Amino acid sequence: MNEEIKKQWEQVYKEYSKKMYGICLRYARNANDAKDILHDGFVKAFLCLKDYKGIGSFEGWLRRIFVTTAINFYHKFINRSFLEEPDVNIPDEEKDELISFEDMQLEDILREINSLPDGYRMVFNMFVIEGYSHKEIAQILNISESTSKTQLFKARRLLMKNLNKNLDKCKIKSYEKL
């Protein structure tokens, strides 16, 4: 690799590594896995740079590589039987339930998302944060659309339960300060 290319990639790393690490953390079980995904993602980006056509933003292209790298990383480790669950009848009123926790810190919410079981976390991240459809999630994770919907429903339900517990703790701490 010549010096010019090396400097360009150092600049890309400096500019995007924190954002991409954030993506890696959302999908990873722990910081070490996130670092492995980050490394693999930059290697893939470097190897695939010739495929970038300049259509859309470079950051969007890079982000897609990191999401795909994170998903592929977990394809090796996720228990397939955990992902393939029987259909659950999801009540309509719970499908669109919104989370509003003004008293909580972003770190608390991210910690709760990261504590979700692997299958729940993957589907939650892909649907809620990355904007994939259930059809796309099903194709990428090699599961049915109904399994994707079930995983999302269960992830949201568990996340709400855990966030409510966390919110109660926050309220207790704020009362103790008074």
C-alpha atoms as a PDB file:
ATOM      1  CA  MET A   1       0.000   0.000   0.000  1.00  0.00           C
ATOM      2  CA  ASN A   2       1.455   3.353  -0.940  1.00  0.00           C
ATOM      3  CA  GLU A   3       1.755   6.225   1.556  1.00  0.00           C
ATOM      4  CA  GLU A   4      -1.014   8.321  -0.018  1.00  0.00           C
ATOM      5  CA  ILE A   5      -3.592   5.538   0.276  1.00  0.00           C
ATOM      6  CA  LYS A   6      -2.462   4.780   3.820  1.00  0.00           C
ATOM      7  CA  LYS A   7      -2.958   8.439   4.811  1.00  0.00           C
ATOM      8  CA  GLN A   8      -6.401   8.504   3.190  1.00  0.00           C
ATOM      9  CA  TRP A   9      -7.505   5.432   5.129  1.00  0.00           C
ATOM     10  CA  GLU A  10      -6.117   6.845   8.359  1.00  0.00           C
ATOM     11  CA  GLN A  11      -8.278   9.908   7.705  1.00  0.00           C
ATOM     12  CA  VAL A  12     -11.331   7.738   6.983  1.00  0.00           C
ATOM     13  CA  TYR A  13     -10.690   5.835  10.197  1.00  0.00           C
ATOM     14  CA  LYS A  14     -10.334   9.040  12.239  1.00  0.00           C
ATOM     15  CA  GLU A  15     -13.474  10.528  10.762  1.00  0.00           C
ATOM     16  CA  TYR A  16     -15.769   7.488  10.945  1.00  0.00           C
ATOM     17  CA  SER A  17     -14.438   5.084  13.577  1.00  0.00           C
ATOM     18  CA  LYS A  18     -16.503   6.491  16.468  1.00  0.00           C
ATOM     19  CA  LYS A  19     -19.756   6.358  14.495  1.00  0.00           C
ATOM     20  CA  MET A  20     -19.030   2.886  13.184  1.00  0.00           C
ATOM     21  CA  TYR A  21     -18.011   1.703  16.655  1.00  0.00           C
ATOM     22  CA  GLY A  22     -21.409   2.876  17.882  1.00  0.00           C
ATOM     23  CA  ILE A  23     -23.050   0.640  15.290  1.00  0.00           C
ATOM     24  CA  CYS A  24     -20.794  -2.246  16.317  1.00  0.00           C
ATOM     25  CA  LEU A  25     -21.685  -1.774  19.990  1.00  0.00           C
ATOM     26  CA  ARG A  26     -25.403  -1.954  19.240  1.00  0.00           C
ATOM     27  CA  TYR A  27     -25.000  -5.359  17.640  1.00  0.00           C
ATOM     28  CA  ALA A  28     -22.190  -6.743  19.806  1.00  0.00           C
ATOM     29  CA  ARG A  29     -22.512  -8.726  22.992  1.00  0.00           C
ATOM     30  CA  ASN A  30     -19.588  -6.871  24.498  1.00  0.00           C
ATOM     31  CA  ALA A  31     -16.857  -4.309  23.762  1.00  0.00           C
ATOM     32  CA  ASN A  32     -14.382  -6.948  22.554  1.00  0.00           C
ATOM     33  CA  ASP A  33     -16.857  -8.241  19.959  1.00  0.00           C
ATOM     34  CA  ALA A  34     -17.553  -4.644  18.918  1.00  0.00           C
ATOM     35  CA  LYS A  35     -13.835  -4.042  18.384  1.00  0.00           C
ATOM     36  CA  ASP A  36     -13.585  -7.220  16.291  1.00  0.00           C
ATOM     37  CA  ILE A  37     -16.549  -6.102  14.178  1.00  0.00           C
ATOM     38  CA  LEU A  38     -15.031  -2.614  13.826  1.00  0.00           C
ATOM     39  CA  HIS A  39     -11.759  -4.082  12.591  1.00  0.00           C
ATOM     40  CA  ASP A  40     -13.473  -6.488  10.191  1.00  0.00           C
ATOM     41  CA  GLY A  41     -15.700  -3.697   8.900  1.00  0.00           C
ATOM     42  CA  PHE A  42     -12.788  -1.432   8.022  1.00  0.00           C
ATOM     43  CA  VAL A  43     -10.973  -4.315   6.326  1.00  0.00           C
ATOM     44  CA  LYS A  44     -14.087  -5.069   4.252  1.00  0.00           C
ATOM     45  CA  ALA A  45     -14.540  -1.393   3.417  1.00  0.00           C
ATOM     46  CA  PHE A  46     -10.955  -1.185   2.223  1.00  0.00           C
ATOM     47  CA  LEU A  47     -11.325  -4.328   0.117  1.00  0.00           C
ATOM     48  CA  CYS A  48     -14.668  -3.182  -1.325  1.00  0.00           C
ATOM     49  CA  LEU A  49     -13.756   0.433  -2.012  1.00  0.00           C
ATOM     50  CA  LYS A  50     -13.597  -0.339  -5.721  1.00  0.00           C
ATOM     51  CA  ASP A  51     -17.343  -1.152  -5.526  1.00  0.00           C
ATOM     52  CA  TYR A  52     -18.278   2.285  -4.167  1.00  0.00           C
ATOM     53  CA  LYS A  53     -19.780   4.138  -7.135  1.00  0.00           C
ATOM     54  CA  GLY A  54     -20.169   7.538  -5.466  1.00  0.00           C
ATOM     55  CA  ILE A  55     -23.940   7.159  -5.473  1.00  0.00           C
ATOM     56  CA  GLY A  56     -25.237   8.239  -2.083  1.00  0.00           C
ATOM     57  CA  SER A  57     -23.058   9.270   0.803  1.00  0.00           C
ATOM     58  CA  PHE A  58     -19.803   7.544   1.614  1.00  0.00           C
ATOM     59  CA  GLU A  59     -20.899   7.340   5.241  1.00  0.00           C
ATOM     60  CA  GLY A  60     -24.100   5.550   4.237  1.00  0.00           C
ATOM     61  CA  TRP A  61     -22.100   3.071   2.153  1.00  0.00           C
ATOM     62  CA  LEU A  62     -19.699   2.536   5.036  1.00  0.00           C
ATOM     63  CA  ARG A  63     -22.545   2.159   7.530  1.00  0.00           C
ATOM     64  CA  ARG A  64     -24.115  -0.554   5.388  1.00  0.00           C
ATOM     65  CA  ILE A  65     -20.819  -2.465   5.392  1.00  0.00           C
ATOM     66  CA  PHE A  66     -20.623  -2.278   9.184  1.00  0.00           C
ATOM     67  CA  VAL A  67     -24.213  -3.396   9.714  1.00  0.00           C
ATOM     68  CA  THR A  68     -23.665  -6.313   7.345  1.00  0.00           C
ATOM     69  CA  THR A  69     -20.364  -7.164   9.050  1.00  0.00           C
ATOM     70  CA  ALA A  70     -22.044  -7.140  12.464  1.00  0.00           C
ATOM     71  CA  ILE A  71     -24.871  -9.343  11.224  1.00  0.00           C
ATOM     72  CA  ASN A  72     -22.445 -11.782   9.627  1.00  0.00           C
ATOM     73  CA  PHE A  73     -20.387 -11.845  12.819  1.00  0.00           C
ATOM     74  CA  TYR A  74     -23.437 -13.042  14.733  1.00  0.00           C
ATOM     75  CA  HIS A  75     -24.540 -15.507  12.097  1.00  0.00           C
ATOM     76  CA  LYS A  76     -21.642 -17.561  13.409  1.00  0.00           C
ATOM     77  CA  PHE A  77     -22.837 -17.415  17.018  1.00  0.00           C
ATOM     78  CA  ILE A  78     -26.598 -16.962  17.243  1.00  0.00           C
ATOM     79  CA  ASN A  79     -28.480 -20.055  18.270  1.00  0.00           C
ATOM     80  CA  ARG A  80     -30.738 -20.707  15.266  1.00  0.00           C
ATOM     81  CA  SER A  81     -33.452 -22.310  17.383  1.00  0.00           C
ATOM     82  CA  PHE A  82     -33.615 -19.096  19.383  1.00  0.00           C
ATOM     83  CA  LEU A  83     -34.343 -17.094  16.244  1.00  0.00           C
ATOM     84  CA  GLU A  84     -36.939 -19.507  14.896  1.00  0.00           C
ATOM     85  CA  GLU A  85     -39.832 -19.169  17.308  1.00  0.00           C
ATOM     86  CA  PRO A  86     -43.462 -20.053  16.787  1.00  0.00           C
ATOM     87  CA  ASP A  87     -45.740 -17.236  15.701  1.00  0.00           C
ATOM     88  CA  VAL A  88     -47.188 -15.109  18.456  1.00  0.00           C
ATOM     89  CA  ASN A  89     -50.477 -13.285  18.106  1.00  0.00           C
ATOM     90  CA  ILE A  90     -49.372  -9.672  18.526  1.00  0.00           C
ATOM     91  CA  PRO A  91     -52.125  -7.370  19.794  1.00  0.00           C
ATOM     92  CA  ASP A  92     -52.611  -4.329  17.536  1.00  0.00           C
ATOM     93  CA  GLU A  93     -52.451  -1.833  20.386  1.00  0.00           C
ATOM     94  CA  GLU A  94     -48.970  -3.015  21.347  1.00  0.00           C
ATOM     95  CA  LYS A  95     -47.552  -2.856  17.837  1.00  0.00           C
ATOM     96  CA  ASP A  96     -47.322   0.923  17.825  1.00  0.00           C
ATOM     97  CA  GLU A  97     -46.485   1.518  21.482  1.00  0.00           C
ATOM     98  CA  LEU A  98     -43.970   4.328  21.889  1.00  0.00           C
ATOM     99  CA  ILE A  99     -41.270   4.612  24.509  1.00  0.00           C
ATOM    100  CA  SER A 100     -40.964   8.001  26.175  1.00  0.00           C
ATOM    101  CA  PHE A 101     -38.476   8.182  29.014  1.00  0.00           C
ATOM    102  CA  GLU A 102     -37.443  11.792  29.446  1.00  0.00           C
ATOM    103  CA  ASP A 103     -35.738  11.193  32.792  1.00  0.00           C
ATOM    104  CA  MET A 104     -33.422   8.494  31.454  1.00  0.00           C
ATOM    105  CA  GLN A 105     -29.981   8.930  29.983  1.00  0.00           C
ATOM    106  CA  LEU A 106     -29.182   7.685  26.484  1.00  0.00           C
ATOM    107  CA  GLU A 107     -26.532   5.396  27.976  1.00  0.00           C
ATOM    108  CA  ASP A 108     -29.198   3.679  30.111  1.00  0.00           C
ATOM    109  CA  ILE A 109     -31.382   3.041  27.081  1.00  0.00           C
ATOM    110  CA  LEU A 110     -28.466   1.747  24.994  1.00  0.00           C
ATOM    111  CA  ARG A 111     -27.361  -0.500  27.858  1.00  0.00           C
ATOM    112  CA  GLU A 112     -30.848  -2.011  27.998  1.00  0.00           C
ATOM    113  CA  ILE A 113     -30.891  -2.550  24.231  1.00  0.00           C
ATOM    114  CA  ASN A 114     -27.495  -4.251  24.452  1.00  0.00           C
ATOM    115  CA  SER A 115     -28.768  -6.503  27.246  1.00  0.00           C
ATOM    116  CA  LEU A 116     -31.477  -7.957  25.008  1.00  0.00           C
ATOM    117  CA  PRO A 117     -30.952 -11.575  23.902  1.00  0.00           C
ATOM    118  CA  ASP A 118     -29.052 -11.795  20.603  1.00  0.00           C
ATOM    119  CA  GLY A 119     -32.023 -12.515  18.348  1.00  0.00           C
ATOM    120  CA  TYR A 120     -34.157  -9.781  19.879  1.00  0.00           C
ATOM    121  CA  ARG A 121     -31.298  -7.270  19.715  1.00  0.00           C
ATOM    122  CA  MET A 122     -30.486  -8.052  16.084  1.00  0.00           C
ATOM    123  CA  VAL A 123     -34.070  -7.661  14.888  1.00  0.00           C
ATOM    124  CA  PHE A 124     -34.678  -4.592  17.081  1.00  0.00           C
ATOM    125  CA  ASN A 125     -31.571  -2.838  15.767  1.00  0.00           C
ATOM    126  CA  MET A 126     -32.296  -3.728  12.161  1.00  0.00           C
ATOM    127  CA  PHE A 127     -35.955  -2.677  12.271  1.00  0.00           C
ATOM    128  CA  VAL A 128     -36.015   0.271  14.674  1.00  0.00           C
ATOM    129  CA  ILE A 129     -32.575   1.808  14.195  1.00  0.00           C
ATOM    130  CA  GLU A 130     -31.444   0.772  10.713  1.00  0.00           C
ATOM    131  CA  GLY A 131     -34.905   0.900   9.099  1.00  0.00           C
ATOM    132  CA  TYR A 132     -34.984  -2.552   7.514  1.00  0.00           C
ATOM    133  CA  SER A 133     -38.387  -4.052   6.737  1.00  0.00           C
ATOM    134  CA  HIS A 134     -39.410  -7.401   8.198  1.00  0.00           C
ATOM    135  CA  LYS A 135     -39.044  -8.902   4.733  1.00  0.00           C
ATOM    136  CA  GLU A 136     -35.442  -7.653   4.479  1.00  0.00           C
ATOM    137  CA  ILE A 137     -34.634  -8.824   8.013  1.00  0.00           C
ATOM    138  CA  ALA A 138     -36.062 -12.250   7.227  1.00  0.00           C
ATOM    139  CA  GLN A 139     -33.891 -12.544   4.114  1.00  0.00           C
ATOM    140  CA  ILE A 140     -30.712 -11.329   5.826  1.00  0.00           C
ATOM    141  CA  LEU A 141     -31.085 -13.459   8.955  1.00  0.00           C
ATOM    142  CA  ASN A 142     -32.581 -16.425   7.084  1.00  0.00           C
ATOM    143  CA  ILE A 143     -35.759 -16.446   9.183  1.00  0.00           C
ATOM    144  CA  SER A 144     -39.430 -16.011   8.360  1.00  0.00           C
ATOM    145  CA  GLU A 145     -41.097 -12.601   8.356  1.00  0.00           C
ATOM    146  CA  SER A 146     -43.366 -13.712  11.181  1.00  0.00           C
ATOM    147  CA  THR A 147     -40.318 -14.682  13.247  1.00  0.00           C
ATOM    148  CA  SER A 148     -38.901 -11.211  12.641  1.00  0.00           C
ATOM    149  CA  LYS A 149     -42.167  -9.656  13.820  1.00  0.00           C
ATOM    150  CA  THR A 150     -42.280 -11.934  16.857  1.00  0.00           C
ATOM    151  CA  GLN A 151     -38.674 -11.139  17.767  1.00  0.00           C
ATOM    152  CA  LEU A 152     -39.392  -7.411  17.489  1.00  0.00           C
ATOM    153  CA  PHE A 153     -42.546  -7.700  19.587  1.00  0.00           C
ATOM    154  CA  LYS A 154     -40.709  -9.630  22.296  1.00  0.00           C
ATOM    155  CA  ALA A 155     -37.726  -7.262  22.158  1.00  0.00           C
ATOM    156  CA  ARG A 156     -39.985  -4.231  22.608  1.00  0.00           C
ATOM    157  CA  ARG A 157     -41.898  -5.894  25.439  1.00  0.00           C
ATOM    158  CA  LEU A 158     -38.711  -6.883  27.281  1.00  0.00           C
ATOM    159  CA  LEU A 159     -37.134  -3.496  26.619  1.00  0.00           C
ATOM    160  CA  MET A 160     -40.219  -1.703  27.998  1.00  0.00           C
ATOM    161  CA  LYS A 161     -40.174  -3.897  31.101  1.00  0.00           C
ATOM    162  CA  ASN A 162     -36.461  -3.279  31.715  1.00  0.00           C
ATOM    163  CA  LEU A 163     -36.686   0.442  30.964  1.00  0.00           C
ATOM    164  CA  ASN A 164     -39.627   0.816  33.332  1.00  0.00           C
ATOM    165  CA  LYS A 165     -37.557  -0.829  36.075  1.00  0.00           C
ATOM    166  CA  ASN A 166     -34.679   1.490  35.246  1.00  0.00           C
ATOM    167  CA  LEU A 167     -37.014   4.503  35.218  1.00  0.00           C
ATOM    168  CA  ASP A 168     -38.317   3.548  38.648  1.00  0.00           C
ATOM    169  CA  LYS A 169     -34.718   3.409  39.910  1.00  0.00           C
ATOM    170  CA  CYS A 170     -34.053   6.852  38.407  1.00  0.00           C
ATOM    171  CA  LYS A 171     -37.093   8.283  40.161  1.00  0.00           C
ATOM    172  CA  ILE A 172     -36.061   6.771  43.477  1.00  0.00           C
ATOM    173  CA  LYS A 173     -32.559   8.214  43.134  1.00  0.00           C
ATOM    174  CA  SER A 174     -33.941  11.662  42.283  1.00  0.00           C
ATOM    175  CA  TYR A 175     -36.246  11.574  45.347  1.00  0.00           C
ATOM    176  CA  GLU A 176     -33.300  10.548  47.534  1.00  0.00           C
ATOM    177  CA  LYS A 177     -31.430  13.666  46.391  1.00  0.00           C
ATOM    178  CA  LEU A 178     -34.272  15.886  47.641  1.00  0.00           C
END
